[in-house]
Amino acid sequence: MTAEIALRFVLGGLLVSMFAVAGELFQPKTFAGLFGAAPSVAIATLGIAYRTRDAAYLGIEARSMLLGATAFVVYAATCVATTKSRAVAVSVGAAVAWAAWAAVAFMSWQLAGPSA
């Protein structure tokens, strides 16, 4: 287990660096942060699961990541929608975005079943 954590740390760090470099190549520069974290951790996690677990486990991991990504897209879209309006306070926009994320994440988890 300790070796797996160390491997995840090293792979995650390398992938974060690679995605950050790729993000620097595109405009706007904020893509560097977007490309830096989540895809790197997901790829490292799936790579380790591929080497150490069975296909069923890998499928559950991948499905869970897709459901989480869907909830994140809803959160991001809600953030964009609420920040475009100056009539919505930041705290209200943040609360609405978190509520949208939680609703999508919970519904996805319920629809996917307890294994996700």
C-alpha atoms as a PDB file:
ATOM      1  CA  MET A   1       0.000   0.000   0.000  1.00  0.00           C
ATOM      2  CA  THR A   2       2.827   2.421   0.785  1.00  0.00           C
ATOM      3  CA  ALA A   3       4.460   1.669  -2.565  1.00  0.00           C
ATOM      4  CA  GLU A   4       1.160   2.406  -4.320  1.00  0.00           C
ATOM      5  CA  ILE A   5       0.878   5.760  -2.567  1.00  0.00           C
ATOM      6  CA  ALA A   6       4.460   6.626  -3.494  1.00  0.00           C
ATOM      7  CA  LEU A   7       3.845   5.604  -7.101  1.00  0.00           C
ATOM      8  CA  ARG A   8       0.667   7.688  -7.207  1.00  0.00           C
ATOM      9  CA  PHE A   9       2.584  10.653  -5.804  1.00  0.00           C
ATOM     10  CA  VAL A  10       5.376  10.360  -8.392  1.00  0.00           C
ATOM     11  CA  LEU A  11       3.063   9.710 -11.350  1.00  0.00           C
ATOM     12  CA  GLY A  12       0.681  12.443 -10.263  1.00  0.00           C
ATOM     13  CA  GLY A  13       3.545  14.925  -9.945  1.00  0.00           C
ATOM     14  CA  LEU A  14       4.937  14.054 -13.357  1.00  0.00           C
ATOM     15  CA  LEU A  15       1.535  14.262 -14.999  1.00  0.00           C
ATOM     16  CA  VAL A  16       0.687  17.557 -13.276  1.00  0.00           C
ATOM     17  CA  SER A  17       3.938  18.958 -14.645  1.00  0.00           C
ATOM     18  CA  MET A  18       3.224  17.675 -18.154  1.00  0.00           C
ATOM     19  CA  PHE A  19      -0.316  19.070 -18.169  1.00  0.00           C
ATOM     20  CA  ALA A  20       0.906  22.401 -16.770  1.00  0.00           C
ATOM     21  CA  VAL A  21       3.406  22.686 -19.624  1.00  0.00           C
ATOM     22  CA  ALA A  22       0.654  21.797 -22.116  1.00  0.00           C
ATOM     23  CA  GLY A  23      -1.610  24.391 -20.509  1.00  0.00           C
ATOM     24  CA  GLU A  24       1.038  27.076 -20.925  1.00  0.00           C
ATOM     25  CA  LEU A  25       0.975  26.486 -24.672  1.00  0.00           C
ATOM     26  CA  PHE A  26      -2.667  27.551 -24.997  1.00  0.00           C
ATOM     27  CA  GLN A  27      -4.508  30.827 -24.473  1.00  0.00           C
ATOM     28  CA  PRO A  28      -5.793  31.932 -22.006  1.00  0.00           C
ATOM     29  CA  LYS A  29      -3.136  30.969 -19.498  1.00  0.00           C
ATOM     30  CA  THR A  30      -5.799  29.887 -17.006  1.00  0.00           C
ATOM     31  CA  PHE A  31      -5.949  26.600 -18.909  1.00  0.00           C
ATOM     32  CA  ALA A  32      -2.699  25.637 -17.155  1.00  0.00           C
ATOM     33  CA  GLY A  33      -4.565  25.222 -13.875  1.00  0.00           C
ATOM     34  CA  LEU A  34      -7.429  23.402 -15.528  1.00  0.00           C
ATOM     35  CA  PHE A  35      -5.112  20.949 -17.238  1.00  0.00           C
ATOM     36  CA  GLY A  36      -2.833  20.640 -14.227  1.00  0.00           C
ATOM     37  CA  ALA A  37      -4.670  18.893 -11.442  1.00  0.00           C
ATOM     38  CA  ALA A  38      -7.694  16.707 -12.077  1.00  0.00           C
ATOM     39  CA  PRO A  39      -6.625  14.989 -15.315  1.00  0.00           C
ATOM     40  CA  SER A  40      -3.225  14.181 -13.843  1.00  0.00           C
ATOM     41  CA  VAL A  41      -4.607  12.599 -10.710  1.00  0.00           C
ATOM     42  CA  ALA A  42      -7.237  10.711 -12.706  1.00  0.00           C
ATOM     43  CA  ILE A  43      -4.693   9.301 -15.143  1.00  0.00           C
ATOM     44  CA  ALA A  44      -2.347   8.272 -12.328  1.00  0.00           C
ATOM     45  CA  THR A  45      -5.194   6.623 -10.430  1.00  0.00           C
ATOM     46  CA  LEU A  46      -6.469   4.750 -13.495  1.00  0.00           C
ATOM     47  CA  GLY A  47      -2.949   3.681 -14.432  1.00  0.00           C
ATOM     48  CA  ILE A  48      -2.321   2.211 -11.006  1.00  0.00           C
ATOM     49  CA  ALA A  49      -5.746   0.569 -10.935  1.00  0.00           C
ATOM     50  CA  TYR A  50      -5.069  -0.941 -14.365  1.00  0.00           C
ATOM     51  CA  ARG A  51      -1.842  -2.514 -13.099  1.00  0.00           C
ATOM     52  CA  THR A  52      -3.052  -3.655  -9.681  1.00  0.00           C
ATOM     53  CA  ARG A  53      -6.799  -4.325  -9.884  1.00  0.00           C
ATOM     54  CA  ASP A  54      -9.290  -6.175 -12.039  1.00  0.00           C
ATOM     55  CA  ALA A  55     -11.355  -4.761 -14.893  1.00  0.00           C
ATOM     56  CA  ALA A  56     -14.497  -4.384 -12.777  1.00  0.00           C
ATOM     57  CA  TYR A  57     -12.684  -2.135 -10.303  1.00  0.00           C
ATOM     58  CA  LEU A  58     -11.172  -0.103 -13.122  1.00  0.00           C
ATOM     59  CA  GLY A  59     -14.618   0.325 -14.684  1.00  0.00           C
ATOM     60  CA  ILE A  60     -16.069   1.596 -11.403  1.00  0.00           C
ATOM     61  CA  GLU A  61     -13.168   4.036 -10.999  1.00  0.00           C
ATOM     62  CA  ALA A  62     -13.592   5.376 -14.544  1.00  0.00           C
ATOM     63  CA  ARG A  63     -17.368   5.667 -14.211  1.00  0.00           C
ATOM     64  CA  SER A  64     -17.031   7.485 -10.897  1.00  0.00           C
ATOM     65  CA  MET A  65     -14.585   9.940 -12.457  1.00  0.00           C
ATOM     66  CA  LEU A  66     -16.960  10.626 -15.338  1.00  0.00           C
ATOM     67  CA  LEU A  67     -19.844  11.233 -12.958  1.00  0.00           C
ATOM     68  CA  GLY A  68     -17.680  13.569 -10.880  1.00  0.00           C
ATOM     69  CA  ALA A  69     -16.596  15.420 -14.005  1.00  0.00           C
ATOM     70  CA  THR A  70     -20.229  15.860 -15.021  1.00  0.00           C
ATOM     71  CA  ALA A  71     -21.047  17.370 -11.630  1.00  0.00           C
ATOM     72  CA  PHE A  72     -18.023  19.663 -11.950  1.00  0.00           C
ATOM     73  CA  VAL A  73     -19.166  20.895 -15.384  1.00  0.00           C
ATOM     74  CA  VAL A  74     -22.556  21.769 -13.887  1.00  0.00           C
ATOM     75  CA  TYR A  75     -20.792  23.575 -11.028  1.00  0.00           C
ATOM     76  CA  ALA A  76     -18.583  25.533 -13.453  1.00  0.00           C
ATOM     77  CA  ALA A  77     -21.525  26.456 -15.692  1.00  0.00           C
ATOM     78  CA  THR A  78     -23.463  27.637 -12.650  1.00  0.00           C
ATOM     79  CA  CYS A  79     -20.484  29.742 -11.549  1.00  0.00           C
ATOM     80  CA  VAL A  80     -20.320  31.349 -14.987  1.00  0.00           C
ATOM     81  CA  ALA A  81     -24.056  32.012 -15.037  1.00  0.00           C
ATOM     82  CA  THR A  82     -24.144  33.565 -11.569  1.00  0.00           C
ATOM     83  CA  THR A  83     -21.025  35.693 -12.004  1.00  0.00           C
ATOM     84  CA  LYS A  84     -22.334  37.232 -15.224  1.00  0.00           C
ATOM     85  CA  SER A  85     -25.113  38.855 -13.248  1.00  0.00           C
ATOM     86  CA  ARG A  86     -24.044  41.699 -10.998  1.00  0.00           C
ATOM     87  CA  ALA A  87     -27.394  41.380  -9.219  1.00  0.00           C
ATOM     88  CA  VAL A  88     -26.329  38.067  -7.636  1.00  0.00           C
ATOM     89  CA  ALA A  89     -24.044  38.333  -4.625  1.00  0.00           C
ATOM     90  CA  VAL A  90     -20.893  36.219  -4.745  1.00  0.00           C
ATOM     91  CA  SER A  91     -21.925  34.292  -1.643  1.00  0.00           C
ATOM     92  CA  VAL A  92     -25.315  33.501  -3.173  1.00  0.00           C
ATOM     93  CA  GLY A  93     -23.707  32.471  -6.463  1.00  0.00           C
ATOM     94  CA  ALA A  94     -21.269  30.222  -4.629  1.00  0.00           C
ATOM     95  CA  ALA A  95     -24.083  28.629  -2.624  1.00  0.00           C
ATOM     96  CA  VAL A  96     -26.135  28.032  -5.767  1.00  0.00           C
ATOM     97  CA  ALA A  97     -23.135  26.536  -7.569  1.00  0.00           C
ATOM     98  CA  TRP A  98     -22.350  24.208  -4.666  1.00  0.00           C
ATOM     99  CA  ALA A  99     -26.005  23.175  -4.449  1.00  0.00           C
ATOM    100  CA  ALA A 100     -26.062  22.431  -8.191  1.00  0.00           C
ATOM    101  CA  TRP A 101     -22.884  20.365  -7.869  1.00  0.00           C
ATOM    102  CA  ALA A 102     -24.250  18.450  -4.879  1.00  0.00           C
ATOM    103  CA  ALA A 103     -27.558  17.755  -6.614  1.00  0.00           C
ATOM    104  CA  VAL A 104     -25.901  16.403  -9.770  1.00  0.00           C
ATOM    105  CA  ALA A 105     -23.324  14.401  -7.817  1.00  0.00           C
ATOM    106  CA  PHE A 106     -25.960  12.863  -5.544  1.00  0.00           C
ATOM    107  CA  MET A 107     -28.349  12.059  -8.404  1.00  0.00           C
ATOM    108  CA  SER A 108     -25.498  10.530 -10.419  1.00  0.00           C
ATOM    109  CA  TRP A 109     -24.447   8.423  -7.454  1.00  0.00           C
ATOM    110  CA  GLN A 110     -28.036   7.259  -6.924  1.00  0.00           C
ATOM    111  CA  LEU A 111     -28.547   6.395 -10.585  1.00  0.00           C
ATOM    112  CA  ALA A 112     -25.191   4.614 -10.905  1.00  0.00           C
ATOM    113  CA  GLY A 113     -25.794   2.447  -7.875  1.00  0.00           C
ATOM    114  CA  PRO A 114     -23.867   1.903  -4.672  1.00  0.00           C
ATOM    115  CA  SER A 115     -20.724   0.610  -6.404  1.00  0.00           C
ATOM    116  CA  ALA A 116     -19.858   4.022  -7.877  1.00  0.00           C
END
